[in-house]
Amino acid sequence: MENIVPIKREVHTSISAISSPFGTISMKACADYLGVALSTLYTWRKKGDIPADCFKEVGGTIFVLARNMRRFFES
């Protein structure tokens, strides 16, 4: 969790601006937006550093739920 704290301070509501009409963004787009490697985002997900309700898996593809992610980073 200590690795994610500095990023939480930097993220603001504009994460929703990059989401689809369905309120989802790709893991890659989210990692790029956060300025971290895609593997880092997957690690945070796996370790539970980012809550599971920030992600949705559909047909083996993981999407980020922009509203939930924004809410997490604003907390």
N, C-alpha and C. Protein backbone atom coordinates (compact mmCIF):
# COMPACT_ATOMS: atom_id res chain seq x y z
N MET A 1 0.82 -1.20 0.00
CA MET A 1 0.00 0.00 0.00
C MET A 1 0.86 1.26 0.00
N GLU A 2 2.06 1.18 0.55
CA GLU A 2 2.88 2.39 0.61
C GLU A 2 3.23 2.94 -0.77
N ASN A 3 3.29 2.07 -1.78
CA ASN A 3 3.60 2.53 -3.14
C ASN A 3 2.45 3.30 -3.77
N ILE A 4 1.25 3.04 -3.34
CA ILE A 4 0.08 3.67 -3.96
C ILE A 4 -0.26 5.02 -3.32
N VAL A 5 0.18 5.27 -2.13
CA VAL A 5 -0.19 6.51 -1.42
C VAL A 5 0.21 7.77 -2.19
N PRO A 6 1.42 7.89 -2.71
CA PRO A 6 1.74 9.12 -3.46
C PRO A 6 0.85 9.31 -4.68
N ILE A 7 0.46 8.24 -5.32
CA ILE A 7 -0.39 8.34 -6.50
C ILE A 7 -1.79 8.79 -6.09
N LYS A 8 -2.29 8.28 -4.97
CA LYS A 8 -3.62 8.68 -4.51
C LYS A 8 -3.71 10.19 -4.33
N ARG A 9 -2.63 10.80 -3.94
CA ARG A 9 -2.62 12.25 -3.72
C ARG A 9 -2.68 13.02 -5.03
N GLU A 10 -2.25 12.39 -6.13
CA GLU A 10 -2.16 13.08 -7.41
C GLU A 10 -3.41 12.94 -8.28
N VAL A 11 -4.17 11.89 -8.08
CA VAL A 11 -5.31 11.61 -8.96
C VAL A 11 -6.50 12.45 -8.54
N HIS A 12 -7.22 12.95 -9.54
CA HIS A 12 -8.41 13.74 -9.26
C HIS A 12 -9.54 13.29 -10.16
N THR A 13 -10.63 13.98 -10.19
CA THR A 13 -11.84 13.52 -10.85
C THR A 13 -11.70 13.31 -12.35
N SER A 14 -10.65 13.77 -12.97
CA SER A 14 -10.55 13.65 -14.42
C SER A 14 -10.37 12.20 -14.90
N ILE A 15 -10.20 11.26 -14.00
CA ILE A 15 -10.13 9.85 -14.43
C ILE A 15 -11.42 9.46 -15.14
N SER A 16 -12.52 10.07 -14.77
CA SER A 16 -13.79 9.78 -15.43
C SER A 16 -13.80 10.29 -16.87
N ALA A 17 -13.01 11.28 -17.15
CA ALA A 17 -12.97 11.86 -18.49
C ALA A 17 -12.42 10.89 -19.53
N ILE A 18 -11.64 9.91 -19.10
CA ILE A 18 -11.07 8.96 -20.05
C ILE A 18 -11.87 7.67 -20.13
N SER A 19 -12.99 7.60 -19.42
CA SER A 19 -13.77 6.37 -19.42
C SER A 19 -14.72 6.31 -20.61
N SER A 20 -15.16 5.08 -20.90
CA SER A 20 -16.11 4.86 -21.98
C SER A 20 -17.51 5.27 -21.52
N PRO A 21 -18.47 5.26 -22.43
CA PRO A 21 -19.84 5.56 -22.02
C PRO A 21 -20.37 4.59 -20.95
N PHE A 22 -19.75 3.42 -20.88
CA PHE A 22 -20.15 2.43 -19.88
C PHE A 22 -19.44 2.64 -18.55
N GLY A 23 -18.59 3.64 -18.48
CA GLY A 23 -17.87 3.94 -17.24
C GLY A 23 -16.68 3.05 -16.99
N THR A 24 -16.18 2.41 -18.05
CA THR A 24 -15.01 1.55 -17.89
C THR A 24 -13.84 2.08 -18.70
N ILE A 25 -12.65 1.72 -18.25
CA ILE A 25 -11.44 2.00 -19.01
C ILE A 25 -10.58 0.74 -18.98
N SER A 26 -9.71 0.62 -19.91
CA SER A 26 -8.83 -0.55 -19.95
C SER A 26 -7.78 -0.44 -18.84
N MET A 27 -7.24 -1.57 -18.47
CA MET A 27 -6.17 -1.58 -17.48
C MET A 27 -4.99 -0.75 -17.99
N LYS A 28 -4.69 -0.85 -19.28
CA LYS A 28 -3.57 -0.10 -19.87
C LYS A 28 -3.82 1.40 -19.78
N ALA A 29 -5.02 1.83 -20.14
CA ALA A 29 -5.34 3.27 -20.08
C ALA A 29 -5.26 3.77 -18.65
N CYS A 30 -5.72 2.97 -17.70
CA CYS A 30 -5.66 3.38 -16.30
C CYS A 30 -4.21 3.47 -15.82
N ALA A 31 -3.40 2.48 -16.17
CA ALA A 31 -1.99 2.50 -15.78
C ALA A 31 -1.29 3.72 -16.38
N ASP A 32 -1.56 3.99 -17.65
CA ASP A 32 -0.96 5.16 -18.30
C ASP A 32 -1.39 6.44 -17.59
N TYR A 33 -2.68 6.53 -17.28
CA TYR A 33 -3.20 7.72 -16.60
C TYR A 33 -2.54 7.91 -15.24
N LEU A 34 -2.35 6.79 -14.52
CA LEU A 34 -1.74 6.87 -13.19
C LEU A 34 -0.22 7.05 -13.25
N GLY A 35 0.35 6.82 -14.42
CA GLY A 35 1.80 6.96 -14.58
C GLY A 35 2.58 5.80 -13.99
N VAL A 36 1.96 4.60 -14.02
CA VAL A 36 2.63 3.41 -13.51
C VAL A 36 2.64 2.35 -14.60
N ALA A 37 3.50 1.36 -14.43
CA ALA A 37 3.55 0.25 -15.37
C ALA A 37 2.27 -0.58 -15.25
N LEU A 38 1.86 -1.16 -16.35
CA LEU A 38 0.68 -2.02 -16.34
C LEU A 38 0.84 -3.14 -15.32
N SER A 39 2.04 -3.69 -15.23
CA SER A 39 2.30 -4.77 -14.26
C SER A 39 2.09 -4.29 -12.83
N THR A 40 2.38 -3.03 -12.56
CA THR A 40 2.16 -2.47 -11.22
C THR A 40 0.68 -2.45 -10.88
N LEU A 41 -0.14 -2.03 -11.84
CA LEU A 41 -1.58 -2.00 -11.61
C LEU A 41 -2.11 -3.41 -11.35
N TYR A 42 -1.65 -4.38 -12.13
CA TYR A 42 -2.06 -5.78 -11.89
C TYR A 42 -1.61 -6.25 -10.51
N THR A 43 -0.41 -5.88 -10.10
CA THR A 43 0.09 -6.26 -8.77
C THR A 43 -0.76 -5.66 -7.68
N TRP A 44 -1.09 -4.36 -7.80
CA TRP A 44 -1.93 -3.71 -6.79
C TRP A 44 -3.27 -4.41 -6.69
N ARG A 45 -3.83 -4.79 -7.86
CA ARG A 45 -5.12 -5.50 -7.87
C ARG A 45 -4.99 -6.84 -7.16
N LYS A 46 -3.96 -7.59 -7.52
CA LYS A 46 -3.76 -8.92 -6.94
C LYS A 46 -3.53 -8.86 -5.43
N LYS A 47 -2.76 -7.88 -4.97
CA LYS A 47 -2.47 -7.74 -3.54
C LYS A 47 -3.61 -7.11 -2.75
N GLY A 48 -4.60 -6.58 -3.46
CA GLY A 48 -5.72 -5.94 -2.77
C GLY A 48 -5.44 -4.50 -2.38
N ASP A 49 -4.38 -3.90 -2.91
CA ASP A 49 -4.08 -2.50 -2.61
C ASP A 49 -5.16 -1.58 -3.20
N ILE A 50 -5.78 -2.02 -4.28
CA ILE A 50 -6.92 -1.32 -4.86
C ILE A 50 -8.11 -2.27 -4.69
N PRO A 51 -9.23 -1.80 -4.18
CA PRO A 51 -10.37 -2.68 -3.90
C PRO A 51 -10.89 -3.40 -5.15
N ALA A 52 -11.37 -4.61 -4.94
CA ALA A 52 -11.88 -5.43 -6.03
C ALA A 52 -13.04 -4.77 -6.77
N ASP A 53 -13.81 -3.92 -6.09
CA ASP A 53 -14.96 -3.30 -6.76
C ASP A 53 -14.55 -2.21 -7.76
N CYS A 54 -13.25 -1.99 -7.89
CA CYS A 54 -12.75 -1.06 -8.90
C CYS A 54 -12.53 -1.76 -10.24
N PHE A 55 -12.73 -3.07 -10.27
CA PHE A 55 -12.45 -3.85 -11.47
C PHE A 55 -13.64 -4.71 -11.84
N LYS A 56 -13.76 -5.00 -13.13
CA LYS A 56 -14.80 -5.89 -13.64
C LYS A 56 -14.16 -6.77 -14.70
N GLU A 57 -14.31 -8.07 -14.55
CA GLU A 57 -13.77 -9.00 -15.53
C GLU A 57 -14.90 -9.49 -16.42
N VAL A 58 -14.70 -9.35 -17.72
CA VAL A 58 -15.69 -9.78 -18.70
C VAL A 58 -14.98 -10.63 -19.74
N GLY A 59 -15.34 -11.88 -19.80
CA GLY A 59 -14.75 -12.77 -20.80
C GLY A 59 -13.24 -12.86 -20.70
N GLY A 60 -12.71 -12.80 -19.50
CA GLY A 60 -11.27 -12.89 -19.30
C GLY A 60 -10.52 -11.57 -19.43
N THR A 61 -11.22 -10.51 -19.79
CA THR A 61 -10.61 -9.19 -19.89
C THR A 61 -10.99 -8.37 -18.68
N ILE A 62 -10.02 -7.75 -18.06
CA ILE A 62 -10.26 -6.94 -16.87
C ILE A 62 -10.40 -5.48 -17.27
N PHE A 63 -11.47 -4.88 -16.81
CA PHE A 63 -11.72 -3.46 -17.03
C PHE A 63 -11.70 -2.74 -15.69
N VAL A 64 -11.40 -1.46 -15.73
CA VAL A 64 -11.43 -0.61 -14.54
C VAL A 64 -12.74 0.15 -14.54
N LEU A 65 -13.44 0.13 -13.42
CA LEU A 65 -14.67 0.90 -13.26
C LEU A 65 -14.27 2.29 -12.80
N ALA A 66 -14.35 3.25 -13.71
CA ALA A 66 -13.81 4.58 -13.47
C ALA A 66 -14.38 5.25 -12.23
N ARG A 67 -15.69 5.16 -12.02
CA ARG A 67 -16.30 5.82 -10.87
C ARG A 67 -15.77 5.25 -9.56
N ASN A 68 -15.67 3.93 -9.49
CA ASN A 68 -15.17 3.31 -8.26
C ASN A 68 -13.69 3.62 -8.04
N MET A 69 -12.93 3.62 -9.12
CA MET A 69 -11.50 3.94 -9.01
C MET A 69 -11.31 5.37 -8.54
N ARG A 70 -12.08 6.28 -9.12
CA ARG A 70 -11.99 7.69 -8.71
C ARG A 70 -12.34 7.83 -7.24
N ARG A 71 -13.41 7.17 -6.83
CA ARG A 71 -13.84 7.23 -5.43
C ARG A 71 -12.73 6.71 -4.50
N PHE A 72 -12.09 5.62 -4.90
CA PHE A 72 -10.99 5.06 -4.09
C PHE A 72 -9.84 6.06 -3.98
N PHE A 73 -9.44 6.65 -5.10
CA PHE A 73 -8.30 7.56 -5.07
C PHE A 73 -8.62 8.87 -4.36
N GLU A 74 -9.89 9.22 -4.29
CA GLU A 74 -10.27 10.45 -3.57
C GLU A 74 -10.39 10.23 -2.07
N SER A 75 -10.46 8.98 -1.66
CA SER A 75 -10.64 8.69 -0.21
C SER A 75 -9.37 8.85 0.57
